[in-house]
Amino acid sequence: MLELRPTCECCDKDLPPHSSEAMICSFECTFCQTCAHERLGNCCPNCSGELVRRPIRPEAALIHTPASTQRIIKPCPGIN
């Protein structure tokens, strides 16, 4: 099951479970669309994997399988 990490690893933008802006790689590294497209060229800086849109977990499923609350931040190129 996906962790549904709460923020972009680059810019720390909030990406709640229902966000259509969350992008992930096969290891679940998580980025916002802006960082994924404009800064990373749709390539994960951690594993070199493809970044794709993260699926949205239905609200009812979040009750029993909540999203992660662990924030992971690794500033990307071009971000201060």
PDB file of N, CA and C in Angstrom:
ATOM      1  N   MET A   1       0.842  -1.167   0.000  1.00  0.00           N
ATOM      2  CA  MET A   1       0.000   0.000   0.000  1.00  0.00           C
ATOM      3  C   MET A   1       0.892   1.237   0.000  1.00  0.00           C
ATOM      4  N   LEU A   2       0.507   2.256  -0.725  1.00  0.00           N
ATOM      5  CA  LEU A   2       1.278   3.494  -0.799  1.00  0.00           C
ATOM      6  C   LEU A   2       1.228   4.262   0.518  1.00  0.00           C
ATOM      7  N   GLU A   3       2.348   4.888   0.865  1.00  0.00           N
ATOM      8  CA  GLU A   3       2.415   5.688   2.090  1.00  0.00           C
ATOM      9  C   GLU A   3       1.615   6.977   1.987  1.00  0.00           C
ATOM     10  N   LEU A   4       1.508   7.529   0.798  1.00  0.00           N
ATOM     11  CA  LEU A   4       0.879   8.839   0.580  1.00  0.00           C
ATOM     12  C   LEU A   4       1.576   9.891   1.445  1.00  0.00           C
ATOM     13  N   ARG A   5       2.837  10.129   1.143  1.00  0.00           N
ATOM     14  CA  ARG A   5       3.633  11.097   1.900  1.00  0.00           C
ATOM     15  C   ARG A   5       3.033  12.490   1.793  1.00  0.00           C
ATOM     16  N   PRO A   6       3.145  13.288   2.859  1.00  0.00           N
ATOM     17  CA  PRO A   6       2.380  14.531   2.967  1.00  0.00           C
ATOM     18  C   PRO A   6       2.936  15.765   2.255  1.00  0.00           C
ATOM     19  N   THR A   7       4.194  15.708   1.774  1.00  0.00           N
ATOM     20  CA  THR A   7       4.783  16.917   1.185  1.00  0.00           C
ATOM     21  C   THR A   7       5.728  16.585   0.032  1.00  0.00           C
ATOM     22  N   CYS A   8       6.045  17.622  -0.730  1.00  0.00           N
ATOM     23  CA  CYS A   8       7.050  17.520  -1.786  1.00  0.00           C
ATOM     24  C   CYS A   8       8.425  17.456  -1.132  1.00  0.00           C
ATOM     25  N   GLU A   9       9.242  16.508  -1.550  1.00  0.00           N
ATOM     26  CA  GLU A   9      10.584  16.369  -0.986  1.00  0.00           C
ATOM     27  C   GLU A   9      11.481  17.549  -1.350  1.00  0.00           C
ATOM     28  N   CYS A  10      11.176  18.245  -2.433  1.00  0.00           N
ATOM     29  CA  CYS A  10      11.995  19.383  -2.869  1.00  0.00           C
ATOM     30  C   CYS A  10      11.635  20.675  -2.141  1.00  0.00           C
ATOM     31  N   CYS A  11      10.384  21.087  -2.287  1.00  0.00           N
ATOM     32  CA  CYS A  11       9.991  22.424  -1.820  1.00  0.00           C
ATOM     33  C   CYS A  11       9.125  22.410  -0.570  1.00  0.00           C
ATOM     34  N   ASP A  12       8.791  21.227  -0.055  1.00  0.00           N
ATOM     35  CA  ASP A  12       7.986  21.064   1.153  1.00  0.00           C
ATOM     36  C   ASP A  12       6.535  21.513   0.982  1.00  0.00           C
ATOM     37  N   LYS A  13       6.059  21.598  -0.262  1.00  0.00           N
ATOM     38  CA  LYS A  13       4.656  21.937  -0.507  1.00  0.00           C
ATOM     39  C   LYS A  13       3.772  20.825   0.052  1.00  0.00           C
ATOM     40  N   ASP A  14       2.686  21.204   0.717  1.00  0.00           N
ATOM     41  CA  ASP A  14       1.735  20.220   1.229  1.00  0.00           C
ATOM     42  C   ASP A  14       1.072  19.468   0.083  1.00  0.00           C
ATOM     43  N   LEU A  15       1.024  18.140   0.215  1.00  0.00           N
ATOM     44  CA  LEU A  15       0.372  17.273  -0.770  1.00  0.00           C
ATOM     45  C   LEU A  15      -0.541  16.305  -0.024  1.00  0.00           C
ATOM     46  N   PRO A  16      -1.724  16.779   0.363  1.00  0.00           N
ATOM     47  CA  PRO A  16      -2.642  15.917   1.117  1.00  0.00           C
ATOM     48  C   PRO A  16      -3.067  14.696   0.288  1.00  0.00           C
ATOM     49  N   PRO A  17      -3.629  13.691   0.926  1.00  0.00           N
ATOM     50  CA  PRO A  17      -3.982  12.448   0.229  1.00  0.00           C
ATOM     51  C   PRO A  17      -4.862  12.650  -1.005  1.00  0.00           C
ATOM     52  N   HIS A  18      -5.669  13.702  -1.015  1.00  0.00           N
ATOM     53  CA  HIS A  18      -6.574  13.932  -2.143  1.00  0.00           C
ATOM     54  C   HIS A  18      -5.957  14.816  -3.238  1.00  0.00           C
ATOM     55  N   SER A  19      -4.679  15.174  -3.101  1.00  0.00           N
ATOM     56  CA  SER A  19      -4.041  16.063  -4.063  1.00  0.00           C
ATOM     57  C   SER A  19      -3.815  15.379  -5.407  1.00  0.00           C
ATOM     58  N   SER A  20      -4.212  16.066  -6.476  1.00  0.00           N
ATOM     59  CA  SER A  20      -3.951  15.560  -7.824  1.00  0.00           C
ATOM     60  C   SER A  20      -2.610  16.071  -8.335  1.00  0.00           C
ATOM     61  N   GLU A  21      -1.890  16.837  -7.503  1.00  0.00           N
ATOM     62  CA  GLU A  21      -0.592  17.391  -7.884  1.00  0.00           C
ATOM     63  C   GLU A  21       0.582  16.536  -7.423  1.00  0.00           C
ATOM     64  N   ALA A  22       0.349  15.476  -6.684  1.00  0.00           N
ATOM     65  CA  ALA A  22       1.430  14.646  -6.161  1.00  0.00           C
ATOM     66  C   ALA A  22       1.964  13.709  -7.236  1.00  0.00           C
ATOM     67  N   MET A  23       3.287  13.651  -7.337  1.00  0.00           N
ATOM     68  CA  MET A  23       3.968  12.786  -8.290  1.00  0.00           C
ATOM     69  C   MET A  23       4.882  11.859  -7.487  1.00  0.00           C
ATOM     70  N   ILE A  24       4.960  10.572  -7.888  1.00  0.00           N
ATOM     71  CA  ILE A  24       5.795   9.606  -7.162  1.00  0.00           C
ATOM     72  C   ILE A  24       6.606   8.753  -8.133  1.00  0.00           C
ATOM     73  N   CYS A  25       7.675   8.153  -7.588  1.00  0.00           N
ATOM     74  CA  CYS A  25       8.437   7.156  -8.334  1.00  0.00           C
ATOM     75  C   CYS A  25       8.052   5.782  -7.769  1.00  0.00           C
ATOM     76  N   SER A  26       8.694   4.734  -8.251  1.00  0.00           N
ATOM     77  CA  SER A  26       8.341   3.391  -7.775  1.00  0.00           C
ATOM     78  C   SER A  26       8.753   3.141  -6.322  1.00  0.00           C
ATOM     79  N   PHE A  27       9.618   4.016  -5.774  1.00  0.00           N
ATOM     80  CA  PHE A  27       9.999   3.900  -4.363  1.00  0.00           C
ATOM     81  C   PHE A  27       9.188   4.850  -3.486  1.00  0.00           C
ATOM     82  N   GLU A  28       8.207   5.525  -4.070  1.00  0.00           N
ATOM     83  CA  GLU A  28       7.296   6.446  -3.391  1.00  0.00           C
ATOM     84  C   GLU A  28       7.924   7.771  -2.998  1.00  0.00           C
ATOM     85  N   CYS A  29       9.092   8.102  -3.565  1.00  0.00           N
ATOM     86  CA  CYS A  29       9.611   9.451  -3.385  1.00  0.00           C
ATOM     87  C   CYS A  29       8.515  10.362  -3.932  1.00  0.00           C
ATOM     88  N   THR A  30       8.246  11.464  -3.261  1.00  0.00           N
ATOM     89  CA  THR A  30       7.070  12.279  -3.572  1.00  0.00           C
ATOM     90  C   THR A  30       7.458  13.719  -3.868  1.00  0.00           C
ATOM     91  N   PHE A  31       6.896  14.247  -4.956  1.00  0.00           N
ATOM     92  CA  PHE A  31       7.184  15.609  -5.400  1.00  0.00           C
ATOM     93  C   PHE A  31       5.909  16.261  -5.914  1.00  0.00           C
ATOM     94  N   CYS A  32       5.864  17.594  -5.866  1.00  0.00           N
ATOM     95  CA  CYS A  32       4.739  18.313  -6.457  1.00  0.00           C
ATOM     96  C   CYS A  32       4.949  18.344  -7.975  1.00  0.00           C
ATOM     97  N   GLN A  33       3.907  18.653  -8.725  1.00  0.00           N
ATOM     98  CA  GLN A  33       4.014  18.689 -10.184  1.00  0.00           C
ATOM     99  C   GLN A  33       5.034  19.713 -10.657  1.00  0.00           C
ATOM    100  N   THR A  34       5.081  20.875 -10.002  1.00  0.00           N
ATOM    101  CA  THR A  34       6.020  21.911 -10.418  1.00  0.00           C
ATOM    102  C   THR A  34       7.454  21.417 -10.326  1.00  0.00           C
ATOM    103  N   CYS A  35       7.834  20.857  -9.184  1.00  0.00           N
ATOM    104  CA  CYS A  35       9.194  20.344  -9.032  1.00  0.00           C
ATOM    105  C   CYS A  35       9.448  19.176  -9.986  1.00  0.00           C
ATOM    106  N   ALA A  36       8.486  18.260 -10.085  1.00  0.00           N
ATOM    107  CA  ALA A  36       8.661  17.089 -10.942  1.00  0.00           C
ATOM    108  C   ALA A  36       8.895  17.486 -12.394  1.00  0.00           C
ATOM    109  N   HIS A  37       8.083  18.392 -12.908  1.00  0.00           N
ATOM    110  CA  HIS A  37       8.172  18.769 -14.321  1.00  0.00           C
ATOM    111  C   HIS A  37       9.279  19.778 -14.592  1.00  0.00           C
ATOM    112  N   GLU A  38       9.294  20.871 -13.834  1.00  0.00           N
ATOM    113  CA  GLU A  38      10.180  21.989 -14.145  1.00  0.00           C
ATOM    114  C   GLU A  38      11.592  21.839 -13.596  1.00  0.00           C
ATOM    115  N   ARG A  39      11.764  21.204 -12.457  1.00  0.00           N
ATOM    116  CA  ARG A  39      13.092  21.101 -11.849  1.00  0.00           C
ATOM    117  C   ARG A  39      13.743  19.741 -12.075  1.00  0.00           C
ATOM    118  N   LEU A  40      12.928  18.705 -12.160  1.00  0.00           N
ATOM    119  CA  LEU A  40      13.478  17.350 -12.202  1.00  0.00           C
ATOM    120  C   LEU A  40      13.316  16.642 -13.537  1.00  0.00           C
ATOM    121  N   GLY A  41      12.600  17.250 -14.469  1.00  0.00           N
ATOM    122  CA  GLY A  41      12.401  16.609 -15.773  1.00  0.00           C
ATOM    123  C   GLY A  41      11.716  15.266 -15.682  1.00  0.00           C
ATOM    124  N   ASN A  42      10.790  15.120 -14.719  1.00  0.00           N
ATOM    125  CA  ASN A  42      10.030  13.886 -14.485  1.00  0.00           C
ATOM    126  C   ASN A  42      10.908  12.685 -14.150  1.00  0.00           C
ATOM    127  N   CYS A  43      12.069  12.944 -13.564  1.00  0.00           N
ATOM    128  CA  CYS A  43      13.001  11.885 -13.184  1.00  0.00           C
ATOM    129  C   CYS A  43      13.335  12.049 -11.702  1.00  0.00           C
ATOM    130  N   CYS A  44      13.153  11.008 -10.918  1.00  0.00           N
ATOM    131  CA  CYS A  44      13.421  11.062  -9.483  1.00  0.00           C
ATOM    132  C   CYS A  44      14.911  11.291  -9.237  1.00  0.00           C
ATOM    133  N   PRO A  45      15.269  12.304  -8.437  1.00  0.00           N
ATOM    134  CA  PRO A  45      16.675  12.558  -8.163  1.00  0.00           C
ATOM    135  C   PRO A  45      17.299  11.519  -7.222  1.00  0.00           C
ATOM    136  N   ASN A  46      16.479  10.731  -6.571  1.00  0.00           N
ATOM    137  CA  ASN A  46      16.970   9.730  -5.626  1.00  0.00           C
ATOM    138  C   ASN A  46      17.293   8.392  -6.296  1.00  0.00           C
ATOM    139  N   CYS A  47      16.449   7.966  -7.244  1.00  0.00           N
ATOM    140  CA  CYS A  47      16.621   6.631  -7.845  1.00  0.00           C
ATOM    141  C   CYS A  47      16.681   6.655  -9.370  1.00  0.00           C
ATOM    142  N   SER A  48      16.500   7.827  -9.960  1.00  0.00           N
ATOM    143  CA  SER A  48      16.479   8.004 -11.422  1.00  0.00           C
ATOM    144  C   SER A  48      15.241   7.393 -12.076  1.00  0.00           C
ATOM    145  N   GLY A  49      14.251   7.032 -11.264  1.00  0.00           N
ATOM    146  CA  GLY A  49      13.019   6.458 -11.794  1.00  0.00           C
ATOM    147  C   GLY A  49      12.069   7.512 -12.345  1.00  0.00           C
ATOM    148  N   GLU A  50      11.110   7.066 -13.119  1.00  0.00           N
ATOM    149  CA  GLU A  50      10.090   7.931 -13.705  1.00  0.00           C
ATOM    150  C   GLU A  50       9.145   8.437 -12.612  1.00  0.00           C
ATOM    151  N   LEU A  51       8.754   9.699 -12.711  1.00  0.00           N
ATOM    152  CA  LEU A  51       7.761  10.261 -11.796  1.00  0.00           C
ATOM    153  C   LEU A  51       6.406  10.260 -12.494  1.00  0.00           C
ATOM    154  N   VAL A  52       5.417   9.691 -11.818  1.00  0.00           N
ATOM    155  CA  VAL A  52       4.057   9.595 -12.345  1.00  0.00           C
ATOM    156  C   VAL A  52       3.075  10.126 -11.309  1.00  0.00           C
ATOM    157  N   ARG A  53       1.855  10.441 -11.751  1.00  0.00           N
ATOM    158  CA  ARG A  53       0.838  10.965 -10.839  1.00  0.00           C
ATOM    159  C   ARG A  53       0.499   9.915  -9.779  1.00  0.00           C
ATOM    160  N   ARG A  54       0.465  10.366  -8.524  1.00  0.00           N
ATOM    161  CA  ARG A  54       0.113   9.476  -7.417  1.00  0.00           C
ATOM    162  C   ARG A  54      -1.396   9.259  -7.408  1.00  0.00           C
ATOM    163  N   PRO A  55      -1.846   8.023  -7.258  1.00  0.00           N
ATOM    164  CA  PRO A  55      -3.290   7.781  -7.183  1.00  0.00           C
ATOM    165  C   PRO A  55      -3.890   8.393  -5.915  1.00  0.00           C
ATOM    166  N   ILE A  56      -5.162   8.671  -5.970  1.00  0.00           N
ATOM    167  CA  ILE A  56      -5.880   9.232  -4.820  1.00  0.00           C
ATOM    168  C   ILE A  56      -6.613   8.105  -4.105  1.00  0.00           C
ATOM    169  N   ARG A  57      -6.358   7.975  -2.820  1.00  0.00           N
ATOM    170  CA  ARG A  57      -7.033   6.958  -2.011  1.00  0.00           C
ATOM    171  C   ARG A  57      -8.412   7.486  -1.619  1.00  0.00           C
ATOM    172  N   PRO A  58      -9.463   6.705  -1.792  1.00  0.00           N
ATOM    173  CA  PRO A  58     -10.809   7.152  -1.418  1.00  0.00           C
ATOM    174  C   PRO A  58     -10.884   7.527   0.064  1.00  0.00           C
ATOM    175  N   GLU A  59     -11.669   8.551   0.368  1.00  0.00           N
ATOM    176  CA  GLU A  59     -11.827   9.037   1.751  1.00  0.00           C
ATOM    177  C   GLU A  59     -12.163   7.908   2.722  1.00  0.00           C
ATOM    178  N   ALA A  60     -13.054   7.014   2.333  1.00  0.00           N
ATOM    179  CA  ALA A  60     -13.462   5.921   3.223  1.00  0.00           C
ATOM    180  C   ALA A  60     -12.277   5.016   3.557  1.00  0.00           C
ATOM    181  N   ALA A  61     -11.381   4.809   2.618  1.00  0.00           N
ATOM    182  CA  ALA A  61     -10.216   3.955   2.839  1.00  0.00           C
ATOM    183  C   ALA A  61      -9.197   4.619   3.762  1.00  0.00           C
ATOM    184  N   LEU A  62      -9.177   5.954   3.787  1.00  0.00           N
ATOM    185  CA  LEU A  62      -8.238   6.669   4.654  1.00  0.00           C
ATOM    186  C   LEU A  62      -8.527   6.450   6.136  1.00  0.00           C
ATOM    187  N   ILE A  63      -9.742   6.080   6.453  1.00  0.00           N
ATOM    188  CA  ILE A  63     -10.109   5.822   7.851  1.00  0.00           C
ATOM    189  C   ILE A  63      -9.308   4.641   8.396  1.00  0.00           C
ATOM    190  N   HIS A  64      -9.203   3.588   7.608  1.00  0.00           N
ATOM    191  CA  HIS A  64      -8.512   2.374   8.055  1.00  0.00           C
ATOM    192  C   HIS A  64      -7.047   2.323   7.629  1.00  0.00           C
ATOM    193  N   THR A  65      -6.710   3.051   6.587  1.00  0.00           N
ATOM    194  CA  THR A  65      -5.329   3.085   6.089  1.00  0.00           C
ATOM    195  C   THR A  65      -4.952   4.543   5.835  1.00  0.00           C
ATOM    196  N   PRO A  66      -4.643   5.284   6.908  1.00  0.00           N
ATOM    197  CA  PRO A  66      -4.352   6.713   6.773  1.00  0.00           C
ATOM    198  C   PRO A  66      -3.043   6.994   6.039  1.00  0.00           C
ATOM    199  N   ALA A  67      -2.942   8.205   5.540  1.00  0.00           N
ATOM    200  CA  ALA A  67      -1.734   8.659   4.862  1.00  0.00           C
ATOM    201  C   ALA A  67      -0.617   8.867   5.874  1.00  0.00           C
ATOM    202  N   SER A  68       0.608   8.841   5.398  1.00  0.00           N
ATOM    203  CA  SER A  68       1.777   9.083   6.241  1.00  0.00           C
ATOM    204  C   SER A  68       1.792  10.547   6.707  1.00  0.00           C
ATOM    205  N   THR A  69       2.398  10.782   7.836  1.00  0.00           N
ATOM    206  CA  THR A  69       2.588  12.146   8.325  1.00  0.00           C
ATOM    207  C   THR A  69       4.071  12.516   8.359  1.00  0.00           C
ATOM    208  N   GLN A  70       4.934  11.588   7.957  1.00  0.00           N
ATOM    209  CA  GLN A  70       6.379  11.825   7.976  1.00  0.00           C
ATOM    210  C   GLN A  70       6.787  12.714   6.804  1.00  0.00           C
ATOM    211  N   ARG A  71       7.383  13.869   7.132  1.00  0.00           N
ATOM    212  CA  ARG A  71       7.850  14.813   6.121  1.00  0.00           C
ATOM    213  C   ARG A  71       9.297  14.477   5.767  1.00  0.00           C
ATOM    214  N   ILE A  72       9.563  14.331   4.475  1.00  0.00           N
ATOM    215  CA  ILE A  72      10.912  14.069   3.976  1.00  0.00           C
ATOM    216  C   ILE A  72      11.286  15.237   3.073  1.00  0.00           C
ATOM    217  N   ILE A  73      12.372  15.926   3.417  1.00  0.00           N
ATOM    218  CA  ILE A  73      12.767  17.106   2.646  1.00  0.00           C
ATOM    219  C   ILE A  73      14.233  16.962   2.241  1.00  0.00           C
ATOM    220  N   LYS A  74      14.462  17.024   0.925  1.00  0.00           N
ATOM    221  CA  LYS A  74      15.810  16.982   0.337  1.00  0.00           C
ATOM    222  C   LYS A  74      15.811  18.032  -0.759  1.00  0.00           C
ATOM    223  N   PRO A  75      16.226  19.266  -0.449  1.00  0.00           N
ATOM    224  CA  PRO A  75      16.140  20.336  -1.450  1.00  0.00           C
ATOM    225  C   PRO A  75      16.716  19.944  -2.817  1.00  0.00           C
ATOM    226  N   CYS A  76      15.967  20.283  -3.839  1.00  0.00           N
ATOM    227  CA  CYS A  76      16.351  19.973  -5.216  1.00  0.00           C
ATOM    228  C   CYS A  76      17.152  21.101  -5.823  1.00  0.00           C
ATOM    229  N   PRO A  77      17.808  20.854  -6.930  1.00  0.00           N
ATOM    230  CA  PRO A  77      18.565  21.923  -7.601  1.00  0.00           C
ATOM    231  C   PRO A  77      17.690  23.140  -7.888  1.00  0.00           C
ATOM    232  N   GLY A  78      18.249  24.301  -7.652  1.00  0.00           N
ATOM    233  CA  GLY A  78      17.523  25.545  -7.944  1.00  0.00           C
ATOM    234  C   GLY A  78      16.624  26.025  -6.836  1.00  0.00           C
ATOM    235  N   ILE A  79      16.609  25.339  -5.688  1.00  0.00           N
ATOM    236  CA  ILE A  79      15.774  25.742  -4.557  1.00  0.00           C
ATOM    237  C   ILE A  79      16.689  26.113  -3.410  1.00  0.00           C
ATOM    238  N   ASN A  80      16.456  27.275  -2.821  1.00  0.00           N
ATOM    239  CA  ASN A  80      17.272  27.711  -1.689  1.00  0.00           C
ATOM    240  C   ASN A  80      16.709  27.245  -0.385  1.00  0.00           C
TER     241      ASN A  80
END
